[in-house]
C-alpha cells in the first residue's frame, strides 16, 4: 500500500505567526508569474504596501504619541484598520512584523516604490532606536538614502543612519552621517531637520572631548527647535548641553538644564521616553553634586518608568547608576548585582558605548569586592573598546583604574 506523505502548507513560527513552506512558496511564486498579469501582481503589491504603511503609522503613533507630528509628515493620509489599545500592544505588533517591514522596504526600493522605503525607514527609526533593535536597521536606512528623491527625505534618512551608528559606537561613521543630514536639511530649508543635525553633530564633539563646541552646537539647535515649537527637540538639546557641562565640572548648570528638560518632557504627555531620559539626567546631576538620596530617588523613578514603557537603553543606564550609588554607600554586593544586570542588558542591546561605561563601573565594584583579576579584565576590555571608538572619557577612566591595579 502506498505510503501517504502529508505536507503542511503553513509552518508556525511563534504564537499565531505562520509562513508558507519553502516548496509551496516557490510554487505559488512561479504560478503567480505564469498566470497573473503584471497589473494584477502590481495591484496586490500596492495593497500590501498600503496596508503596512498605514498600520506602521498607527503603531508608531501608539508607541510614541509625542512623535505623531513627524510620523504624519512621512506618510500619505489614511487611517489603518488595525488599532492598538496601548503602547505595549503597538510594540508587540512592531516586533512581530519587523522582519516583514524591512523586507518589504528593501523590495520597494528595487521595484520603483521609493516613497514606501523611505517612509518605513523614518517611521521605524524611533522604535528601532529606543528598543535597541539594530539588526536590519542599517540596511533599511542605507536603502532609504539610496532611493530618496528629495533633499529633505535624504537628510532625514541620513539622520536615522547617524543615530544608529551613534548607538553602536561607530562615531566616525555617525559624525559623517549627521553632517550629511545637516547639509541636506539646510539645502531643503528644513529648520527642524537643521536643528536635529546641529544637535547630533554636537554629540560627536562631546564624545571626542570638545565640550565647549558641543555646548555651542546644542544652543544653536535649541534656538531652532524653540522657534518651531518642537518640544521633543528642545528637551533633547537641553540634555545634550547638560552632559558636557557635567564633564566640565559644572553640575549646578547641568542640573538647571536637566530640570528644564524634564519640565518640557512632561508637556509631551504621560510616560514618554523623553521623560525617562530626563529623570535619569536630573538624578545624574544630583549624584555629581553629592546629593545621593535625591539621586537614588531619581534613578529609581527613571528605572520604574523605563521598565513600564520598555525603554531598555534607559533601564540599563539606571541600573548601572544605582550600582554606583550602592558602591558609594559601601553596599558592594548590591552594587555588583546591579552592574551585572546593567552589563547583561548593554551587551544584549549591542550598544558598545554604554557597555564600555558599565564595564568601567563594574570593574570598580569588583575591585572593592577584592576580585582584582576580574576587575582588571573588565577595565582592559573597556580600554580596548574605548580605543576602537575613540571614547576619550572612558579611555581615561580605564587607564586610571588599571594603573591602580597592575
Protein backbone atom coordinates (compact mmCIF):
# COMPACT_ATOMS: atom_id res chain seq x y z
CA UNK A 1 0.00 0.00 0.00
CA UNK A 2 1.38 3.36 -0.99
CA UNK A 3 2.56 5.42 1.93
CA UNK A 4 0.83 8.79 2.29
CA UNK A 5 3.04 11.83 2.90
CA UNK A 6 1.44 14.90 4.47
CA UNK A 7 2.91 18.29 3.63
CA UNK A 8 1.62 21.20 5.70
CA UNK A 9 1.04 24.29 3.62
CA UNK A 10 1.85 26.58 6.56
CA UNK A 11 4.60 26.44 9.17
CA UNK A 12 4.14 28.14 12.52
CA UNK A 13 6.90 30.40 13.83
CA UNK A 14 5.84 31.62 17.23
CA UNK A 15 2.33 32.01 18.50
CA UNK A 16 -0.02 32.96 15.68
CA UNK A 17 2.80 33.58 13.18
CA UNK A 18 2.86 31.48 10.02
CA UNK A 19 4.76 31.25 6.74
CA UNK A 20 4.45 29.09 3.68
CA UNK A 21 6.61 26.00 3.38
CA UNK A 22 9.59 26.74 1.09
CA UNK A 23 8.32 24.44 -1.67
CA UNK A 24 4.82 25.88 -1.56
CA UNK A 25 6.16 29.44 -1.62
CA UNK A 26 8.26 28.73 -4.70
CA UNK A 27 5.33 27.05 -6.44
CA UNK A 28 2.98 29.94 -5.63
CA UNK A 29 5.54 32.48 -6.85
CA UNK A 30 6.01 30.64 -10.15
CA UNK A 31 2.28 30.28 -10.69
CA UNK A 32 1.69 33.98 -9.96
CA UNK A 33 4.24 34.96 -12.59
CA UNK A 34 2.82 32.48 -15.12
CA UNK A 35 -0.90 33.01 -14.58
CA UNK A 36 -1.43 36.55 -13.24
CA UNK A 37 -0.92 39.63 -15.44
CA UNK A 38 1.68 42.16 -14.30
CA UNK A 39 -1.09 44.64 -13.49
CA UNK A 40 -2.73 42.17 -11.09
CA UNK A 41 0.57 41.41 -9.34
CA UNK A 42 1.33 45.12 -9.08
CA UNK A 43 -2.10 45.83 -7.60
CA UNK A 44 -1.57 43.10 -4.99
CA UNK A 45 1.80 44.53 -4.01
CA UNK A 46 0.33 48.04 -3.83
CA UNK A 47 -2.35 46.73 -1.49
CA UNK A 48 0.25 45.14 0.78
CA UNK A 49 2.33 48.32 0.85
CA UNK A 50 -0.73 50.44 1.62
CA UNK A 51 -1.74 48.13 4.48
CA UNK A 52 1.72 48.15 6.04
CA UNK A 53 2.24 51.90 5.56
CA UNK A 54 -0.96 52.76 7.40
CA UNK A 55 -0.51 50.09 10.05
CA UNK A 56 3.05 51.17 10.80
CA UNK A 57 1.98 54.80 11.12
CA UNK A 58 -0.78 53.79 13.52
CA UNK A 59 1.51 51.52 15.56
CA UNK A 60 4.36 54.04 15.66
CA UNK A 61 1.96 56.73 16.89
CA UNK A 62 0.63 54.44 19.63
CA UNK A 63 4.21 53.50 20.57
CA UNK A 64 5.39 57.13 20.78
CA UNK A 65 2.42 59.56 20.76
CA UNK A 66 4.77 62.55 21.16
CA UNK A 67 6.29 61.66 17.77
CA UNK A 68 2.97 61.86 15.91
CA UNK A 69 3.72 65.09 14.02
CA UNK A 70 6.88 63.65 12.47
CA UNK A 71 5.16 60.38 11.62
CA UNK A 72 2.34 62.22 9.87
CA UNK A 73 4.91 64.05 7.71
CA UNK A 74 6.34 60.77 6.43
CA UNK A 75 3.23 59.03 5.14
CA UNK A 76 0.25 59.68 2.93
CA UNK A 77 -3.14 60.38 4.54
CA UNK A 78 -5.28 57.46 5.59
CA UNK A 79 -6.05 55.51 8.73
CA UNK A 80 -5.29 51.86 9.26
CA UNK A 81 -8.00 49.38 10.08
CA UNK A 82 -5.57 47.96 12.64
CA UNK A 83 -5.95 49.53 16.08
CA UNK A 84 -3.73 49.33 19.16
CA UNK A 85 -5.03 49.68 22.69
CA UNK A 86 -1.75 50.96 24.15
CA UNK A 87 1.99 51.26 23.66
CA UNK A 88 2.65 47.64 24.64
CA UNK A 89 0.25 46.28 22.04
CA UNK A 90 1.82 48.51 19.39
CA UNK A 91 5.31 47.44 20.41
CA UNK A 92 4.35 43.77 20.19
CA UNK A 93 2.94 44.26 16.69
CA UNK A 94 6.03 46.15 15.52
CA UNK A 95 8.30 43.44 16.89
CA UNK A 96 6.27 40.66 15.27
CA UNK A 97 6.20 42.42 11.88
CA UNK A 98 9.70 43.90 11.96
CA UNK A 99 11.34 41.44 9.55
CA UNK A 100 8.40 41.74 7.14
CA UNK A 101 8.52 45.53 7.25
CA UNK A 102 12.23 45.65 6.48
CA UNK A 103 11.85 43.06 3.71
CA UNK A 104 9.02 44.98 2.03
CA UNK A 105 11.01 48.23 2.24
CA UNK A 106 14.00 46.64 0.51
CA UNK A 107 11.72 45.19 -2.16
CA UNK A 108 10.02 48.55 -2.68
CA UNK A 109 13.33 50.33 -3.18
CA UNK A 110 14.25 47.97 -6.01
CA UNK A 111 10.80 48.00 -7.63
CA UNK A 112 10.05 51.67 -8.19
CA UNK A 113 8.40 52.37 -4.81
CA UNK A 114 10.97 54.70 -3.16
CA UNK A 115 8.38 56.58 -1.08
CA UNK A 116 7.42 53.37 0.71
CA UNK A 117 11.03 52.50 1.58
CA UNK A 118 11.86 55.98 2.86
CA UNK A 119 8.60 56.18 4.80
CA UNK A 120 9.16 52.86 6.59
CA UNK A 121 12.72 53.89 7.45
CA UNK A 122 11.50 57.16 9.01
CA UNK A 123 8.54 55.69 10.87
CA UNK A 124 10.57 52.83 12.36
CA UNK A 125 13.54 54.98 13.37
CA UNK A 126 12.22 55.94 16.82
CA UNK A 127 11.03 52.42 17.62
CA UNK A 128 14.21 50.68 16.44
CA UNK A 129 16.35 53.12 18.41
CA UNK A 130 14.53 53.10 21.74
CA UNK A 131 14.05 49.33 21.64
CA UNK A 132 17.75 48.84 20.68
CA UNK A 133 16.86 46.73 17.64
CA UNK A 134 19.87 47.35 15.44
CA UNK A 135 19.67 44.22 13.29
CA UNK A 136 18.44 45.23 9.85
CA UNK A 137 18.24 48.92 10.75
CA UNK A 138 21.47 49.86 8.96
CA UNK A 139 20.48 48.30 5.64
CA UNK A 140 17.00 49.85 5.97
CA UNK A 141 18.32 53.38 6.46
CA UNK A 142 21.02 52.98 3.79
CA UNK A 143 18.32 51.84 1.39
CA UNK A 144 16.25 54.92 2.22
CA UNK A 145 19.23 57.14 1.46
CA UNK A 146 19.82 55.36 -1.84
CA UNK A 147 16.30 55.82 -3.13
CA UNK A 148 15.43 59.20 -1.53
CA UNK A 149 14.00 61.62 -4.11
CA UNK A 150 14.40 64.94 -2.27
CA UNK A 151 16.98 66.70 -0.11
CA UNK A 152 14.58 66.72 2.83
CA UNK A 153 13.98 62.97 2.70
CA UNK A 154 17.67 62.28 2.09
CA UNK A 155 18.62 64.38 5.11
CA UNK A 156 16.04 62.65 7.28
CA UNK A 157 17.40 59.25 6.25
CA UNK A 158 20.99 60.25 6.99
CA UNK A 159 19.82 61.37 10.43
CA UNK A 160 18.30 57.93 11.10
CA UNK A 161 21.53 56.27 9.99
CA UNK A 162 23.63 58.56 12.18
CA UNK A 163 21.51 57.73 15.23
CA UNK A 164 22.09 54.03 14.61
CA UNK A 165 25.86 54.45 14.24
CA UNK A 166 25.95 56.56 17.39
CA UNK A 167 24.32 53.83 19.46
CA UNK A 168 26.73 51.28 18.02
CA UNK A 169 29.73 53.41 18.93
CA UNK A 170 30.72 53.97 15.31
CA UNK A 171 31.41 57.64 15.95
CA UNK A 172 33.34 58.41 12.76
CA UNK A 173 30.52 56.98 10.66
CA UNK A 174 27.97 58.71 12.88
CA UNK A 175 29.63 62.11 12.55
CA UNK A 176 29.76 61.75 8.77
CA UNK A 177 26.09 60.74 8.56
CA UNK A 178 24.98 63.56 10.87
CA UNK A 179 26.94 66.11 8.86
CA UNK A 180 25.25 64.87 5.69
CA UNK A 181 21.88 65.16 7.42
CA UNK A 182 22.66 68.74 8.44
CA UNK A 183 23.81 69.69 4.93
CA UNK A 184 20.71 68.27 3.24
CA UNK A 185 18.38 69.84 5.83
CA UNK A 186 19.87 73.25 5.07
CA UNK A 187 19.53 72.66 1.32
CA UNK A 188 15.88 71.79 1.83
CA UNK A 189 15.21 74.73 4.15
CA UNK A 190 14.10 72.25 6.82
CA UNK A 191 14.61 74.11 10.12
CA UNK A 192 13.67 71.16 12.34
CA UNK A 193 15.99 68.94 10.32
CA UNK A 194 18.74 71.53 10.63
CA UNK A 195 18.22 71.66 14.39
CA UNK A 196 18.39 67.86 14.61
CA UNK A 197 21.56 67.90 12.54
CA UNK A 198 23.22 70.50 14.76
CA UNK A 199 22.26 68.61 17.91
CA UNK A 200 23.58 65.38 16.52
CA UNK A 201 26.84 66.89 15.28
CA UNK A 202 27.26 68.17 18.85
CA UNK A 203 27.23 64.58 20.07
CA UNK A 204 30.36 63.93 18.04
CA UNK A 205 32.10 66.90 19.66
CA UNK A 206 31.01 65.61 23.06
CA UNK A 207 32.40 62.10 22.58
CA UNK A 208 35.69 63.50 21.29
CA UNK A 209 36.03 65.71 24.35
CA UNK A 210 35.36 69.07 22.66
CA UNK A 211 32.78 70.07 25.26
CA UNK A 212 32.62 73.79 24.57
CA UNK A 213 31.93 73.21 20.88
CA UNK A 214 29.26 70.67 21.82
CA UNK A 215 27.58 73.27 24.04
CA UNK A 216 27.66 75.87 21.26
CA UNK A 217 26.02 73.50 18.75
CA UNK A 218 23.34 72.42 21.22
CA UNK A 219 22.44 76.03 21.99
CA UNK A 220 22.05 76.80 18.28
CA UNK A 221 19.89 73.70 17.89
CA UNK A 222 17.74 74.64 20.88
CA UNK A 223 17.02 78.08 19.40
CA UNK A 224 15.84 76.48 16.16
CA UNK A 225 13.70 73.88 17.93
CA UNK A 226 12.17 76.56 20.17
CA UNK A 227 11.30 78.76 17.18
CA UNK A 228 9.49 75.78 15.64
CA UNK A 229 7.74 74.82 18.90
CA UNK A 230 9.35 71.36 18.82
CA UNK A 231 9.20 70.22 22.46
CA UNK A 232 10.89 66.85 21.91
CA UNK A 233 13.85 68.54 20.24
CA UNK A 234 14.05 71.14 22.99
CA UNK A 235 14.33 68.58 25.78
CA UNK A 236 16.90 66.60 23.78
CA UNK A 237 19.15 69.62 23.24
CA UNK A 238 18.91 70.67 26.89
CA UNK A 239 20.17 67.21 27.82
CA UNK A 240 22.81 67.48 25.12
CA UNK A 241 24.10 70.72 26.64
CA UNK A 242 23.86 69.45 30.21
CA UNK A 243 26.21 66.49 29.80
CA UNK A 244 29.23 68.46 28.58
CA UNK A 245 28.56 70.92 31.42
CA UNK A 246 28.85 67.97 33.80
CA UNK A 247 32.11 66.85 32.18
CA UNK A 248 33.45 70.40 32.60
CA UNK A 249 32.74 70.27 36.34
CA UNK A 250 29.66 72.49 36.30
CA UNK A 251 27.00 70.29 37.93
CA UNK A 252 24.83 73.23 39.06
CA UNK A 253 24.45 74.44 35.47
CA UNK A 254 23.83 70.87 34.29
CA UNK A 255 21.12 70.38 36.91
CA UNK A 256 19.33 73.53 35.81
CA UNK A 257 19.41 72.41 32.17
CA UNK A 258 18.24 68.89 33.02
CA UNK A 259 15.37 70.19 35.15
CA UNK A 260 14.25 72.43 32.29
CA UNK A 261 14.35 69.41 30.01
CA UNK A 262 12.30 67.36 32.47
CA UNK A 263 9.63 70.07 32.70
CA UNK A 264 9.36 70.26 28.91
CA UNK A 265 9.30 66.47 28.53
CA UNK A 266 6.22 66.29 30.74
CA UNK A 267 4.37 68.55 28.30
CA UNK A 268 4.69 65.77 25.70
CA UNK A 269 2.23 63.59 27.62
CA UNK A 270 2.45 60.82 30.23
CA UNK A 271 5.03 58.04 30.17
CA UNK A 272 7.33 59.18 27.40
CA UNK A 273 10.87 58.08 26.60
CA UNK A 274 11.93 61.72 26.89
CA UNK A 275 10.68 61.89 30.50
CA UNK A 276 12.51 58.71 31.49
CA UNK A 277 15.73 60.04 30.00
CA UNK A 278 15.23 63.43 31.66
CA UNK A 279 14.62 61.85 35.08
CA UNK A 280 17.86 59.93 34.70
CA UNK A 281 19.73 63.10 33.75
CA UNK A 282 18.45 65.07 36.76
CA UNK A 283 19.49 62.21 39.04
CA UNK A 284 22.97 62.15 37.48
CA UNK A 285 23.39 65.86 38.27
CA UNK A 286 22.33 65.26 41.87
CA UNK A 287 24.88 62.44 42.05
CA UNK A 288 27.61 64.78 40.80
CA UNK A 289 26.59 67.31 43.47
CA UNK A 290 26.84 64.66 46.19
CA UNK A 291 23.09 64.60 46.85
CA UNK A 292 22.96 60.83 46.85
CA UNK A 293 19.49 60.37 48.36
CA UNK A 294 17.94 62.62 45.71
CA UNK A 295 19.98 60.86 43.05
CA UNK A 296 18.79 57.44 44.21
CA UNK A 297 15.14 58.52 44.17
CA UNK A 298 15.56 59.97 40.69
CA UNK A 299 17.25 56.88 39.27
CA UNK A 300 14.58 54.64 40.80
CA UNK A 301 11.81 56.76 39.25
CA UNK A 302 13.55 56.62 35.87
CA UNK A 303 14.04 52.87 36.19
CA UNK A 304 10.38 52.25 37.02
CA UNK A 305 9.21 54.36 34.07
CA UNK A 306 11.75 52.80 31.70
CA UNK A 307 10.54 49.31 32.56
CA UNK A 308 6.92 50.33 32.21
CA UNK A 309 7.48 51.62 28.67
CA UNK A 310 10.12 49.01 27.69
CA UNK A 311 12.88 51.62 27.26
CA UNK A 312 15.80 49.22 27.51
CA UNK A 313 18.53 51.83 26.96
CA UNK A 314 17.44 53.88 29.94
CA UNK A 315 16.72 50.81 32.07
CA UNK A 316 20.30 49.57 31.76
CA UNK A 317 21.64 53.08 32.43
CA UNK A 318 19.55 53.41 35.60
CA UNK A 319 20.69 50.01 36.88
CA UNK A 320 24.31 50.99 36.36
CA UNK A 321 23.84 54.36 38.08
CA UNK A 322 22.13 52.74 41.06
CA UNK A 323 25.05 50.33 41.24
CA UNK A 324 27.42 53.30 41.60
CA UNK A 325 25.33 54.71 44.44
CA UNK A 326 25.29 51.38 46.31
CA UNK A 327 29.06 51.18 45.94
CA UNK A 328 29.44 54.72 47.30
CA UNK A 329 27.37 53.66 50.31
CA UNK A 330 29.57 50.60 50.88
CA UNK A 331 26.95 48.08 49.73
CA UNK A 332 29.32 46.17 47.48
CA UNK A 333 27.20 43.05 46.91
CA UNK A 334 24.18 45.12 45.87
CA UNK A 335 26.38 47.19 43.57
CA UNK A 336 27.80 44.08 41.90
CA UNK A 337 24.34 42.67 41.27
CA UNK A 338 23.09 45.89 39.67
CA UNK A 339 26.19 46.31 37.50
CA UNK A 340 25.89 42.71 36.33
CA UNK A 341 22.27 43.29 35.31
CA UNK A 342 23.23 46.51 33.51
CA UNK A 343 26.11 44.82 31.68
CA UNK A 344 23.91 41.94 30.58
CA UNK A 345 21.34 44.37 29.13
CA UNK A 346 24.02 46.53 27.49
CA UNK A 347 25.68 43.57 25.80
CA UNK A 348 22.34 42.22 24.58
CA UNK A 349 21.46 45.66 23.19
CA UNK A 350 24.69 45.80 21.23
CA UNK A 351 25.37 49.35 22.46
CA UNK A 352 29.17 49.49 22.58
CA UNK A 353 29.48 52.99 24.15
CA UNK A 354 27.29 52.15 27.09
CA UNK A 355 28.86 48.70 27.50
CA UNK A 356 32.24 50.38 27.94
CA UNK A 357 30.86 52.68 30.66
CA UNK A 358 29.27 49.77 32.51
CA UNK A 359 32.47 47.70 32.34
CA UNK A 360 34.44 50.52 33.97
CA UNK A 361 31.85 50.94 36.73
CA UNK A 362 31.60 47.17 37.21
CA UNK A 363 35.39 47.00 37.45
CA UNK A 364 35.34 49.49 40.32
CA UNK A 365 32.81 47.37 42.19
CA UNK A 366 34.84 44.20 41.56
CA UNK A 367 37.92 45.94 42.95
CA UNK A 368 36.01 46.90 46.09
CA UNK A 369 34.96 43.26 46.45
CA UNK A 370 38.60 42.13 46.26
CA UNK A 371 38.08 40.40 42.91
CA UNK A 372 41.07 42.11 41.32
CA UNK A 373 41.67 39.73 38.40
CA UNK A 374 38.07 40.13 37.25
CA UNK A 375 38.29 43.89 37.68
CA UNK A 376 41.40 44.04 35.50
CA UNK A 377 39.62 42.01 32.82
CA UNK A 378 36.67 44.42 32.76
CA UNK A 379 38.86 47.53 32.61
CA UNK A 380 41.10 46.06 29.90
CA UNK A 381 38.11 45.19 27.76
CA UNK A 382 36.75 48.70 28.31
CA UNK A 383 40.14 50.16 27.39
CA UNK A 384 40.38 48.21 24.14
CA UNK A 385 36.82 49.06 23.10
CA UNK A 386 37.20 52.73 24.05
CA UNK A 387 40.33 52.96 21.89
CA UNK A 388 38.42 51.50 18.94
CA UNK A 389 35.63 54.05 19.08
CA UNK A 390 37.75 56.99 20.29
CA UNK A 391 35.80 57.47 23.52
CA UNK A 392 38.35 59.59 25.33
CA UNK A 393 36.50 59.92 28.62
CA UNK A 394 36.04 56.18 29.17
CA UNK A 395 39.54 55.52 27.85
CA UNK A 396 40.96 57.74 30.56
CA UNK A 397 38.81 56.07 33.23
CA UNK A 398 40.01 52.62 32.16
CA UNK A 399 43.68 53.67 32.16
CA UNK A 400 43.42 55.23 35.60
CA UNK A 401 41.75 52.14 37.04
CA UNK A 402 44.33 49.78 35.53
CA UNK A 403 47.18 51.96 36.79
CA UNK A 404 45.97 51.35 40.32
CA UNK A 405 45.53 47.61 39.83
CA UNK A 406 48.56 46.49 37.83
